[in-house]
Amino acid sequence: MKRTSIIVLVLLAVAVIISAGCAPPFSKELLDKLEKNITFAAVQKEPERYTGKLLMVGGTIVDTKNLKEGSRIEVLQKPLDGEGRPAMTDETGGRFLIVTSQFLDGAVYHRGRSVTIIGEVAGSKVQPLGELEYRYPVLTAKELHLWSPYAGPRFSIGVGMYRGF
């Protein structure tokens, strides 16, 4: 094999690996069924209108509760990037609840972690949020992805000090 052919094959392999790393971590079957024209803002405003619709939403976990019938995660919604990962921003459309029949350990699905789901809108639930009654859109998880807190390699230049406590 010629050297140029080997280089082309290596570059092609690298391109495939990189592009695979950028794909959302959900099944193609569910991605194809998503209602892409429905915004989170619309669901937040009228959750019952969208009951049964399949959406991809994500954000930052606020709380996880385990119940007899499964787990419920309260999430602060964030916009999603091209991979489906919640953006690291203060921008939010409000809160929503994820329900699943699975047991999700609160030590893993804890406050501050990023999560994305493909879920079916199941109406809303009113519960206290501080001193007010808040209406949460409820999504039943079809597929759920908990993002690693480590987004990949990070590079920096600087001087730092470490103090062992």
Protein backbone atom coordinates (compact mmCIF):
# COMPACT_ATOMS: atom_id res chain seq x y z
CA MET A 1 0.00 0.00 0.00
CA LYS A 2 1.31 3.44 -0.82
CA ARG A 3 2.14 5.89 1.92
CA THR A 4 -0.54 8.36 0.74
CA SER A 5 -3.18 5.63 0.93
CA ILE A 6 -2.21 4.86 4.51
CA ILE A 7 -2.36 8.54 5.44
CA VAL A 8 -5.80 8.87 3.83
CA LEU A 9 -7.07 5.80 5.74
CA VAL A 10 -5.71 7.13 9.03
CA LEU A 11 -7.29 10.54 8.46
CA LEU A 12 -10.59 8.90 7.53
CA ALA A 13 -10.50 6.77 10.70
CA VAL A 14 -9.79 9.85 12.82
CA ALA A 15 -12.67 11.73 11.17
CA VAL A 16 -15.08 8.85 11.87
CA ILE A 17 -14.01 8.67 15.52
CA ILE A 18 -14.36 12.43 15.97
CA SER A 19 -17.76 12.58 14.30
CA ALA A 20 -19.01 9.63 16.35
CA GLY A 21 -18.00 11.52 19.48
CA CYS A 22 -20.21 14.45 18.43
CA ALA A 23 -23.39 12.45 17.90
CA PRO A 24 -26.11 12.63 20.57
CA PRO A 25 -26.00 9.57 22.84
CA PHE A 26 -29.52 8.45 21.96
CA SER A 27 -30.93 5.77 19.71
CA LYS A 28 -31.59 6.78 16.12
CA GLU A 29 -35.07 5.30 16.43
CA LEU A 30 -36.06 7.79 19.14
CA LEU A 31 -34.18 10.70 17.55
CA ASP A 32 -36.25 10.17 14.39
CA LYS A 33 -39.50 10.37 16.40
CA LEU A 34 -38.71 13.67 18.16
CA GLU A 35 -41.10 16.60 17.82
CA LYS A 36 -38.44 19.09 16.71
CA ASN A 37 -40.85 22.00 16.20
CA ILE A 38 -42.06 22.08 19.83
CA THR A 39 -40.06 24.34 22.13
CA PHE A 40 -39.58 23.92 25.84
CA ALA A 41 -41.16 27.37 26.32
CA ALA A 42 -44.36 26.10 24.66
CA VAL A 43 -44.42 22.99 26.87
CA GLN A 44 -43.70 25.11 29.96
CA LYS A 45 -46.67 27.33 29.12
CA GLU A 46 -49.20 24.57 28.25
CA PRO A 47 -47.89 21.11 29.22
CA GLU A 48 -51.26 19.38 28.83
CA ARG A 49 -51.51 20.52 25.21
CA TYR A 50 -48.39 18.49 24.37
CA THR A 51 -49.21 15.30 26.29
CA GLY A 52 -47.82 12.28 24.44
CA LYS A 53 -45.31 14.30 22.38
CA LEU A 54 -41.68 13.12 22.36
CA LEU A 55 -39.07 15.80 23.15
CA MET A 56 -35.36 16.08 23.87
CA VAL A 57 -34.74 18.34 26.84
CA GLY A 58 -31.95 18.76 29.31
CA GLY A 59 -30.49 20.83 32.05
CA THR A 60 -28.96 20.76 35.50
CA ILE A 61 -30.26 18.41 38.17
CA VAL A 62 -31.75 20.24 41.16
CA ASP A 63 -32.97 17.20 43.12
CA THR A 64 -33.55 13.46 42.80
CA LYS A 65 -36.17 11.59 44.80
CA ASN A 66 -36.73 7.87 44.90
CA LEU A 67 -40.35 6.80 45.21
CA LYS A 68 -42.15 3.45 45.38
CA GLU A 69 -42.86 3.62 41.64
CA GLY A 70 -39.37 4.74 40.56
CA SER A 71 -37.42 7.99 40.55
CA ARG A 72 -38.28 11.64 39.99
CA ILE A 73 -35.65 14.19 38.99
CA GLU A 74 -36.20 17.94 39.20
CA VAL A 75 -34.22 19.69 36.45
CA LEU A 76 -33.44 23.33 35.69
CA GLN A 77 -33.81 23.46 31.90
CA LYS A 78 -30.87 24.67 29.78
CA PRO A 79 -30.47 25.03 26.01
CA LEU A 80 -28.84 22.02 24.33
CA ASP A 81 -25.77 22.05 22.11
CA GLY A 82 -25.35 19.99 18.91
CA GLU A 83 -24.57 16.85 20.92
CA GLY A 84 -27.65 17.27 23.09
CA ARG A 85 -25.55 18.36 26.08
CA PRO A 86 -26.98 21.17 28.26
CA ALA A 87 -25.08 24.43 27.77
CA MET A 88 -23.11 25.88 30.66
CA THR A 89 -25.17 29.06 30.92
CA ASP A 90 -27.52 30.85 33.28
CA GLU A 91 -30.13 30.90 30.50
CA THR A 92 -33.11 28.72 31.40
CA GLY A 93 -36.73 28.21 30.47
CA GLY A 94 -37.72 27.05 33.95
CA ARG A 95 -37.90 23.69 35.68
CA PHE A 96 -39.33 20.33 34.71
CA LEU A 97 -39.65 16.86 36.21
CA ILE A 98 -38.34 13.61 34.79
CA VAL A 99 -40.15 10.48 35.94
CA THR A 100 -38.91 6.95 35.39
CA SER A 101 -39.80 3.52 36.75
CA GLN A 102 -36.06 2.89 37.25
CA PHE A 103 -34.23 3.42 40.54
CA LEU A 104 -31.73 6.25 39.99
CA ASP A 105 -29.31 6.66 42.85
CA GLY A 106 -29.29 10.22 44.17
CA ALA A 107 -25.56 9.91 44.90
CA VAL A 108 -25.01 9.59 41.13
CA TYR A 109 -27.91 11.71 39.84
CA HIS A 110 -27.09 14.53 42.25
CA ARG A 111 -27.54 18.30 42.28
CA GLY A 112 -25.39 20.07 39.70
CA ARG A 113 -25.01 17.18 37.22
CA SER A 114 -26.08 17.71 33.62
CA VAL A 115 -28.75 15.43 32.19
CA THR A 116 -30.54 15.13 28.86
CA ILE A 117 -33.59 13.01 28.16
CA ILE A 118 -35.79 11.99 25.35
CA GLY A 119 -39.09 11.95 27.13
CA GLU A 120 -42.80 11.88 26.53
CA VAL A 121 -44.75 14.83 27.89
CA ALA A 122 -47.05 13.51 30.62
CA GLY A 123 -48.81 16.72 31.66
CA SER A 124 -47.82 18.74 34.71
CA LYS A 125 -47.50 18.56 38.48
CA VAL A 126 -47.90 21.45 40.90
CA GLN A 127 -45.62 21.38 43.92
CA PRO A 128 -44.05 23.90 46.27
CA LEU A 129 -40.96 25.80 45.12
CA GLY A 130 -39.93 27.92 48.06
CA GLU A 131 -43.03 29.83 49.12
CA LEU A 132 -44.91 29.51 45.83
CA GLU A 133 -46.77 26.78 43.99
CA TYR A 134 -44.87 25.93 40.79
CA ARG A 135 -46.30 24.01 37.84
CA TYR A 136 -43.68 21.60 36.51
CA PRO A 137 -44.03 20.01 33.10
CA VAL A 138 -43.59 16.25 33.60
CA LEU A 139 -41.69 14.10 31.11
CA THR A 140 -41.60 10.32 31.25
CA ALA A 141 -38.06 9.23 30.35
CA LYS A 142 -37.70 7.00 27.29
CA GLU A 143 -33.91 7.42 27.23
CA LEU A 144 -31.84 9.35 29.72
CA HIS A 145 -28.21 10.42 29.53
CA LEU A 146 -26.22 11.65 32.53
CA TRP A 147 -23.27 13.67 31.25
CA SER A 148 -19.79 13.26 32.64
CA PRO A 149 -18.74 16.31 34.61
CA TYR A 150 -15.54 16.15 32.58
CA ALA A 151 -16.30 17.45 29.10
CA GLY A 152 -12.96 16.30 27.72
CA PRO A 153 -9.48 17.69 27.63
CA ARG A 154 -9.06 21.22 28.86
CA PHE A 155 -6.01 23.30 28.25
CA SER A 156 -4.83 26.30 30.16
CA ILE A 157 -1.74 28.30 30.78
CA GLY A 158 -1.16 29.90 34.11
CA VAL A 159 0.32 29.70 37.53
CA GLY A 160 -1.56 28.26 40.42
CA MET A 161 -1.00 27.40 44.03
CA TYR A 162 -2.11 24.27 45.78
CA ARG A 163 -2.77 24.32 49.49
CA GLY A 164 -3.26 20.92 51.01
CA PHE A 165 -6.10 21.18 53.48
